[in-house]
Amino acid sequence: MGIKLLDYDIFSGTKEDLIKEVFSKEKVNIVSGNPEILNLGLNNKKLFDFFTSDKSIIIPDGIGTIIASKIVKNPIQEKLAGIEIMDEIIKVCNSENKGIYLLGASEEVLEECKKELKEKYKNLNIVGSHNGYFEMSNCTHITKEIEEKKPYAIFVAMGAPRQEEFIIKNMESLPCSIYMGVGGSFDVISGKISRAPKWMIDCGLEWLYRTLKNPSRIKRLGVIPKFLITTMKNR
């Protein structure tokens, strides 16, 4: 249930289809496939091989990916925002008493994120957490805790490509079934930053809202036209 885009298989089903598939797998990594992440993969063989492995599902997260699917004349059904998919996974974990682990962000944001999640999902089992300030080469204390706590899902909020590097390095040895790099999602959940109004999200203008809120992001927007040009050249 996907489309081919620059040698990537992009999931093209509905949100419900995705959640069903994710929970049917023994071990899966969810990639938020916006142009920035996909472009990173095109320029990094290690990332590309991981994104295209049978352990990963790439979701169409970003208006640029949706436009690219139209360029190749195989339009994706709907945008699947990473933070919304994270919420859907947590909802299932809450109802089925499956533990989750949160890794990333500052300690302050992380604690507020946990508080907000527990208020929303009263029975949610957050088995452990750790902030994102650690050396990748010296994090056995974190991986040992994850091994001991055995969460069903782990959400890694350390930005790309650091969060992907952590997952690549540890996915095979850790006991989790679901792995997901979620970028700045802890910041949103904690209330540190806000998502765009629903009408802007529905119109594909969330990128504009985020840029207006944080003008330094404008440099990152240059990836979108580059990605679309690459798509046109290789369609």
Protein backbone atom coordinates (compact mmCIF):
# COMPACT_ATOMS: atom_id res chain seq x y z
CA MET A 1 0.00 0.00 0.00
CA GLY A 2 2.40 2.61 -1.23
CA ILE A 3 3.83 4.62 -4.08
CA LYS A 4 7.36 4.78 -5.49
CA LEU A 5 9.10 8.13 -5.10
CA LEU A 6 12.82 8.51 -5.81
CA ASP A 7 13.43 4.84 -4.94
CA TYR A 8 11.50 5.25 -1.70
CA ASP A 9 8.30 3.36 -0.95
CA ILE A 10 5.95 5.94 0.58
CA PHE A 11 2.91 4.68 2.49
CA SER A 12 -0.22 5.91 0.72
CA GLY A 13 -3.06 4.44 2.74
CA THR A 14 -5.19 6.07 5.41
CA LYS A 15 -4.22 6.73 9.01
CA GLU A 16 -6.32 3.73 10.05
CA ASP A 17 -4.55 1.51 7.51
CA LEU A 18 -1.18 2.63 8.84
CA ILE A 19 -1.95 1.97 12.50
CA LYS A 20 -3.25 -1.49 11.64
CA GLU A 21 -0.07 -2.29 9.72
CA VAL A 22 2.25 -0.86 12.38
CA PHE A 23 0.72 -2.97 15.15
CA SER A 24 0.79 -6.09 12.99
CA LYS A 25 4.60 -6.04 12.76
CA GLU A 26 7.04 -7.62 15.17
CA LYS A 27 9.46 -4.70 14.82
CA VAL A 28 9.00 -1.53 12.77
CA ASN A 29 10.54 1.92 12.37
CA ILE A 30 8.28 4.78 11.27
CA VAL A 31 9.97 7.46 9.18
CA SER A 32 8.30 10.87 8.97
CA GLY A 33 8.91 11.31 5.25
CA ASN A 34 9.01 15.04 4.71
CA PRO A 35 11.31 16.42 1.97
CA GLU A 36 14.03 17.29 4.48
CA ILE A 37 14.24 13.74 5.88
CA LEU A 38 13.98 12.09 2.47
CA ASN A 39 16.63 14.41 1.07
CA LEU A 40 18.94 13.46 3.94
CA GLY A 41 18.50 9.85 2.91
CA LEU A 42 19.35 10.61 -0.71
CA ASN A 43 22.69 11.99 0.47
CA ASN A 44 23.47 9.42 3.16
CA LYS A 45 23.67 5.74 2.15
CA LYS A 46 23.31 4.50 5.72
CA LEU A 47 20.08 6.43 6.19
CA PHE A 48 18.81 5.51 2.72
CA ASP A 49 19.41 1.80 3.28
CA PHE A 50 17.57 1.99 6.60
CA PHE A 51 14.65 3.99 5.22
CA THR A 52 14.23 1.50 2.37
CA SER A 53 14.65 -1.64 4.48
CA ASP A 54 11.73 -3.94 5.25
CA LYS A 55 11.88 -2.72 8.87
CA SER A 56 10.83 0.83 7.96
CA ILE A 57 7.56 2.44 6.89
CA ILE A 58 7.86 5.93 5.39
CA ILE A 59 4.82 8.09 5.99
CA PRO A 60 3.98 11.15 3.84
CA ASP A 61 4.64 13.89 6.39
CA GLY A 62 4.81 17.24 4.64
CA ILE A 63 3.13 19.10 1.81
CA GLY A 64 6.29 18.74 -0.29
CA THR A 65 5.94 14.96 -0.27
CA ILE A 66 2.28 15.24 -1.26
CA ILE A 67 3.19 17.55 -4.19
CA ALA A 68 5.97 15.16 -5.24
CA SER A 69 3.47 12.28 -5.38
CA LYS A 70 1.36 14.33 -7.79
CA ILE A 71 4.43 15.03 -9.93
CA VAL A 72 4.92 11.28 -10.40
CA LYS A 73 1.18 11.02 -11.15
CA ASN A 74 0.48 8.72 -8.21
CA PRO A 75 -1.11 11.03 -5.62
CA ILE A 76 -1.04 10.01 -1.98
CA GLN A 77 -4.44 9.70 -0.26
CA GLU A 78 -3.66 11.91 2.71
CA LYS A 79 -0.83 13.59 4.58
CA LEU A 80 0.11 11.68 7.74
CA ALA A 81 1.74 14.07 10.19
CA GLY A 82 4.28 12.41 12.46
CA ILE A 83 2.89 13.97 15.63
CA GLU A 84 -0.60 12.70 14.79
CA ILE A 85 0.68 9.19 14.13
CA MET A 86 2.59 9.31 17.42
CA ASP A 87 -0.67 10.23 19.16
CA GLU A 88 -2.55 7.37 17.47
CA ILE A 89 0.10 4.88 18.57
CA ILE A 90 0.00 6.20 22.14
CA LYS A 91 -3.80 5.93 22.10
CA VAL A 92 -3.58 2.23 21.26
CA CYS A 93 -0.80 1.66 23.82
CA ASN A 94 -2.97 3.35 26.45
CA SER A 95 -5.99 1.15 25.72
CA GLU A 96 -3.94 -2.07 25.51
CA ASN A 97 -1.61 -1.32 28.45
CA LYS A 98 1.51 -1.33 26.27
CA GLY A 99 4.44 0.60 27.72
CA ILE A 100 6.14 3.51 25.97
CA TYR A 101 9.54 5.19 26.39
CA LEU A 102 10.30 8.84 25.61
CA LEU A 103 13.82 9.84 24.59
CA GLY A 104 14.89 13.37 23.71
CA ALA A 105 14.35 17.11 24.27
CA SER A 106 15.42 18.97 27.42
CA GLU A 107 14.59 17.62 30.88
CA GLU A 108 12.09 20.45 31.41
CA VAL A 109 10.27 19.78 28.12
CA LEU A 110 10.37 16.03 28.70
CA GLU A 111 8.78 16.27 32.15
CA GLU A 112 6.04 18.59 30.86
CA CYS A 113 5.46 16.27 27.89
CA LYS A 114 4.98 13.29 30.23
CA LYS A 115 2.61 15.31 32.39
CA GLU A 116 0.46 16.31 29.39
CA LEU A 117 0.35 12.76 28.05
CA LYS A 118 -0.70 11.36 31.44
CA GLU A 119 -3.46 13.95 31.68
CA LYS A 120 -4.75 13.03 28.23
CA TYR A 121 -4.34 9.26 28.62
CA LYS A 122 -5.07 8.35 32.23
CA ASN A 123 -3.87 4.75 32.01
CA LEU A 124 -0.80 5.42 29.89
CA ASN A 125 2.22 3.41 31.03
CA ILE A 126 5.31 5.56 30.45
CA VAL A 127 7.88 2.99 31.58
CA GLY A 128 10.85 5.37 31.30
CA SER A 129 12.35 8.48 29.75
CA HIS A 130 15.61 10.32 29.24
CA ASN A 131 16.47 13.74 27.85
CA GLY A 132 18.35 14.07 24.58
CA TYR A 133 21.56 15.45 26.07
CA PHE A 134 23.96 12.53 25.94
CA GLU A 135 26.83 11.24 23.85
CA MET A 136 25.78 8.64 21.31
CA SER A 137 28.99 6.75 22.01
CA ASN A 138 28.28 6.70 25.74
CA CYS A 139 24.63 5.85 26.30
CA THR A 140 24.68 2.27 27.60
CA HIS A 141 22.92 3.46 30.76
CA ILE A 142 19.98 4.49 28.55
CA THR A 143 19.88 1.36 26.40
CA LYS A 144 20.17 -0.83 29.52
CA GLU A 145 17.16 0.90 31.06
CA ILE A 146 15.16 0.39 27.85
CA GLU A 147 16.16 -3.30 27.84
CA GLU A 148 15.02 -3.66 31.44
CA LYS A 149 11.75 -1.73 31.06
CA LYS A 150 10.80 -3.42 27.75
CA PRO A 151 8.57 -0.67 26.29
CA TYR A 152 6.41 -1.61 23.33
CA ALA A 153 7.08 1.71 21.61
CA ILE A 154 9.92 4.21 21.81
CA PHE A 155 9.67 7.80 20.55
CA VAL A 156 12.98 9.55 19.87
CA ALA A 157 12.87 13.35 19.71
CA MET A 158 16.40 14.47 18.92
CA GLY A 159 16.08 15.91 15.42
CA ALA A 160 17.36 14.38 12.19
CA PRO A 161 19.66 12.66 11.58
CA ARG A 162 20.64 12.12 15.25
CA GLN A 163 17.39 10.40 16.20
CA GLU A 164 17.64 8.11 13.17
CA GLU A 165 21.24 7.27 14.03
CA PHE A 166 20.17 6.21 17.53
CA ILE A 167 17.43 3.98 16.13
CA ILE A 168 19.72 2.45 13.48
CA LYS A 169 22.37 1.70 16.09
CA ASN A 170 20.03 0.17 18.66
CA MET A 171 16.92 -1.17 16.94
CA GLU A 172 18.09 -4.76 16.62
CA SER A 173 19.26 -5.06 20.22
CA LEU A 174 16.39 -3.26 21.98
CA PRO A 175 13.12 -5.08 22.81
CA CYS A 176 10.70 -2.41 21.47
CA SER A 177 8.31 -3.24 18.64
CA ILE A 178 7.70 0.32 17.41
CA TYR A 179 10.46 2.90 16.86
CA MET A 180 9.75 6.43 15.72
CA GLY A 181 11.84 9.58 15.32
CA VAL A 182 9.51 12.44 16.19
CA GLY A 183 11.63 15.60 15.88
CA GLY A 184 10.09 18.47 17.85
CA SER A 185 6.92 16.63 18.88
CA PHE A 186 7.78 16.70 22.60
CA ASP A 187 7.99 20.50 22.36
CA VAL A 188 4.48 20.62 20.88
CA ILE A 189 2.98 18.15 23.36
CA SER A 190 4.55 20.00 26.30
CA GLY A 191 3.10 23.30 25.06
CA LYS A 192 6.49 24.90 24.52
CA ILE A 193 5.54 25.51 20.90
CA SER A 194 2.15 25.31 19.21
CA ARG A 195 0.94 23.66 16.02
CA ALA A 196 -0.70 25.69 13.31
CA PRO A 197 -4.46 26.32 13.43
CA LYS A 198 -6.46 23.45 11.93
CA TRP A 199 -7.43 25.46 8.86
CA MET A 200 -3.75 26.03 8.02
CA ILE A 201 -2.95 22.35 8.55
CA ASP A 202 -5.89 21.37 6.31
CA CYS A 203 -4.70 23.79 3.61
CA GLY A 204 -1.14 22.47 3.71
CA LEU A 205 0.18 25.69 5.25
CA GLU A 206 1.62 24.35 8.49
CA TRP A 207 5.13 24.99 7.12
CA LEU A 208 4.24 28.70 6.76
CA TYR A 209 2.95 28.92 10.33
CA ARG A 210 6.09 27.27 11.70
CA THR A 211 8.30 29.59 9.68
CA LEU A 212 6.44 32.70 10.86
CA LYS A 213 6.82 31.49 14.44
CA ASN A 214 10.49 30.65 13.93
CA PRO A 215 12.00 32.62 11.00
CA SER A 216 15.30 30.71 11.27
CA ARG A 217 13.46 27.77 9.68
CA ILE A 218 13.37 29.63 6.36
CA LYS A 219 16.80 28.21 5.51
CA ARG A 220 15.38 24.70 5.74
CA LEU A 221 12.57 25.48 3.28
CA GLY A 222 15.12 25.49 0.45
CA VAL A 223 15.10 21.70 0.62
CA ILE A 224 11.53 21.54 -0.70
CA PRO A 225 12.16 23.01 -4.20
CA LYS A 226 15.38 20.97 -4.48
CA PHE A 227 13.43 17.83 -3.60
CA LEU A 228 10.68 18.62 -6.11
CA ILE A 229 13.21 19.35 -8.86
CA THR A 230 14.94 16.03 -8.14
CA THR A 231 11.55 14.31 -8.30
CA MET A 232 10.78 15.90 -11.71
CA LYS A 233 14.17 14.86 -13.09
CA ASN A 234 13.69 11.27 -11.96
CA ARG A 235 10.01 10.67 -12.59
